[in-house]
């Protein structure tokens, strides 16, 4: 099911980039990557620039709506982990068990706080809750 940004009553900015479509909110983004793309650290540069420009160094969430089949090069996990230290919640919405299996393998390589969901509403709720807890931790320091 393609993402509908109207399900959240919040301001957003949408970008159509070479890897797919991304929706930026105040403290998280939703990405729908194109069918068949192989995501590497190198070809992630456009989205990386947008993330750094939009969020700077504040804690963020990243939601992938995995409606299409694509791959993530796990050999680049170290670079992603090092570059996105402010990524505090990484949610994947998937629609079949094969995709869940792929995500389990990917999770072995990435250090992000990752979780799989069956629908967008629960993914968004988890990301917002996780970021709110992060804000509370920073406030109490």
Protein backbone atom coordinates (compact mmCIF):
# COMPACT_ATOMS: atom_id res chain seq x y z
CA UNK A 1 0.00 0.00 0.00
CA UNK A 2 1.57 3.26 -1.10
CA UNK A 3 2.07 5.87 1.58
CA UNK A 4 -0.51 8.62 1.94
CA UNK A 5 1.02 11.61 3.78
CA UNK A 6 -2.47 12.88 4.62
CA UNK A 7 -2.86 10.18 7.32
CA UNK A 8 -0.76 12.37 9.58
CA UNK A 9 -2.09 15.81 10.35
CA UNK A 10 1.38 17.41 10.21
CA UNK A 11 3.29 19.58 7.80
CA UNK A 12 5.61 17.70 5.45
CA UNK A 13 7.84 18.20 2.45
CA UNK A 14 8.00 15.62 -0.33
CA UNK A 15 10.99 14.91 -2.57
CA UNK A 16 11.13 12.67 -5.61
CA UNK A 17 14.73 11.50 -5.77
CA UNK A 18 16.62 8.89 -7.79
CA UNK A 19 15.98 6.17 -5.17
CA UNK A 20 12.28 6.89 -4.70
CA UNK A 21 9.94 9.26 -2.86
CA UNK A 22 10.61 10.64 0.61
CA UNK A 23 8.36 12.60 2.95
CA UNK A 24 10.05 14.77 5.57
CA UNK A 25 8.27 15.69 8.79
CA UNK A 26 9.59 17.65 11.77
CA UNK A 27 11.58 14.78 13.28
CA UNK A 28 11.19 11.77 11.00
CA UNK A 29 10.90 10.80 7.37
CA UNK A 30 9.00 8.20 5.39
CA UNK A 31 10.69 6.64 2.36
CA UNK A 32 9.30 4.53 -0.46
CA UNK A 33 12.18 3.23 -2.52
CA UNK A 34 11.69 2.27 -6.16
CA UNK A 35 11.27 -1.29 -7.34
CA UNK A 36 14.59 -3.04 -7.96
CA UNK A 37 16.99 -0.41 -6.63
CA UNK A 38 20.15 -1.50 -4.83
CA UNK A 39 20.74 0.97 -2.02
CA UNK A 40 24.42 1.60 -1.39
CA UNK A 41 26.13 4.24 0.68
CA UNK A 42 27.29 5.88 -2.54
CA UNK A 43 23.89 6.16 -4.24
CA UNK A 44 22.28 7.21 -0.93
CA UNK A 45 24.15 10.53 -1.23
CA UNK A 46 21.15 12.55 -2.41
CA UNK A 47 18.96 11.37 0.47
CA UNK A 48 21.86 11.70 2.91
CA UNK A 49 22.23 15.36 1.92
CA UNK A 50 18.50 15.96 2.43
CA UNK A 51 18.57 14.26 5.84
CA UNK A 52 21.58 16.27 7.02
CA UNK A 53 20.10 19.52 5.67
CA UNK A 54 16.62 18.98 7.08
CA UNK A 55 17.41 17.44 10.48
CA UNK A 56 20.98 18.59 11.17
CA UNK A 57 22.17 16.58 14.22
CA UNK A 58 18.89 16.23 16.13
CA UNK A 59 17.52 12.75 16.92
CA UNK A 60 15.43 11.42 14.04
CA UNK A 61 13.26 8.55 12.94
CA UNK A 62 13.27 6.81 9.56
CA UNK A 63 10.32 4.79 8.26
CA UNK A 64 10.57 2.68 5.12
CA UNK A 65 7.29 1.70 3.52
CA UNK A 66 8.52 -1.43 1.77
CA UNK A 67 5.85 -1.68 -0.93
CA UNK A 68 8.51 -2.43 -3.54
CA UNK A 69 11.24 -5.03 -3.67
CA UNK A 70 14.72 -3.52 -3.34
CA UNK A 71 18.02 -4.40 -1.75
CA UNK A 72 20.26 -2.71 0.78
CA UNK A 73 23.96 -3.40 0.44
CA UNK A 74 24.92 -4.68 3.89
CA UNK A 75 28.62 -4.23 3.06
CA UNK A 76 27.96 -0.50 3.51
CA UNK A 77 26.33 -0.92 6.94
CA UNK A 78 29.42 0.36 8.75
CA UNK A 79 29.31 3.62 6.75
CA UNK A 80 25.57 4.07 7.39
CA UNK A 81 26.02 3.35 11.11
CA UNK A 82 28.83 5.90 11.40
CA UNK A 83 27.05 8.60 9.36
CA UNK A 84 23.62 8.44 10.99
CA UNK A 85 24.40 8.32 14.70
CA UNK A 86 21.37 10.55 15.31
CA UNK A 87 19.00 7.92 13.86
CA UNK A 88 17.16 6.71 16.97
CA UNK A 89 14.21 4.82 15.47
CA UNK A 90 14.18 2.87 12.20
CA UNK A 91 10.83 1.32 11.32
CA UNK A 92 10.05 -0.86 8.34
CA UNK A 93 6.50 -1.47 7.21
CA UNK A 94 6.39 -4.72 5.28
CA UNK A 95 3.62 -6.67 3.66
CA UNK A 96 4.95 -10.23 3.35
CA UNK A 97 7.04 -12.78 5.23
CA UNK A 98 9.82 -12.82 2.61
CA UNK A 99 10.48 -9.13 3.25
CA UNK A 100 10.47 -9.78 7.00
CA UNK A 101 13.19 -12.39 6.47
CA UNK A 102 15.29 -9.97 4.47
CA UNK A 103 14.93 -7.36 7.21
CA UNK A 104 16.09 -9.89 9.82
CA UNK A 105 19.27 -10.43 7.82
CA UNK A 106 19.82 -6.69 7.35
CA UNK A 107 19.37 -6.13 11.08
CA UNK A 108 22.45 -8.26 11.77
CA UNK A 109 24.58 -5.54 10.18
CA UNK A 110 22.92 -2.26 11.14
CA UNK A 111 23.22 -0.80 14.65
CA UNK A 112 20.02 1.25 14.50
CA UNK A 113 17.07 0.69 16.81
CA UNK A 114 15.03 -1.24 14.20
CA UNK A 115 11.54 -2.67 14.31
CA UNK A 116 9.17 -4.23 11.74
CA UNK A 117 5.49 -3.31 11.43
CA UNK A 118 2.50 -4.50 9.41
CA UNK A 119 0.99 -1.04 8.96
CA UNK A 120 2.03 2.58 8.79
CA UNK A 121 0.00 3.80 11.77
CA UNK A 122 1.80 1.60 14.30
CA UNK A 123 5.18 2.37 12.72
CA UNK A 124 4.59 6.11 13.04
CA UNK A 125 3.36 5.74 16.63
CA UNK A 126 6.46 3.73 17.59
CA UNK A 127 8.84 6.23 15.95
CA UNK A 128 7.15 9.19 17.63
CA UNK A 129 7.13 7.44 21.03
CA UNK A 130 10.79 6.44 20.70
CA UNK A 131 11.81 9.98 19.74
CA UNK A 132 9.76 11.44 22.63
CA UNK A 133 11.59 9.10 25.04
CA UNK A 134 14.89 10.22 23.49
CA UNK A 135 13.93 13.87 24.04
CA UNK A 136 13.08 13.10 27.66
CA UNK A 137 16.46 11.42 28.19
CA UNK A 138 18.26 14.46 26.76
CA UNK A 139 16.18 16.80 28.92
CA UNK A 140 16.95 14.85 32.11
CA UNK A 141 20.71 14.87 31.58
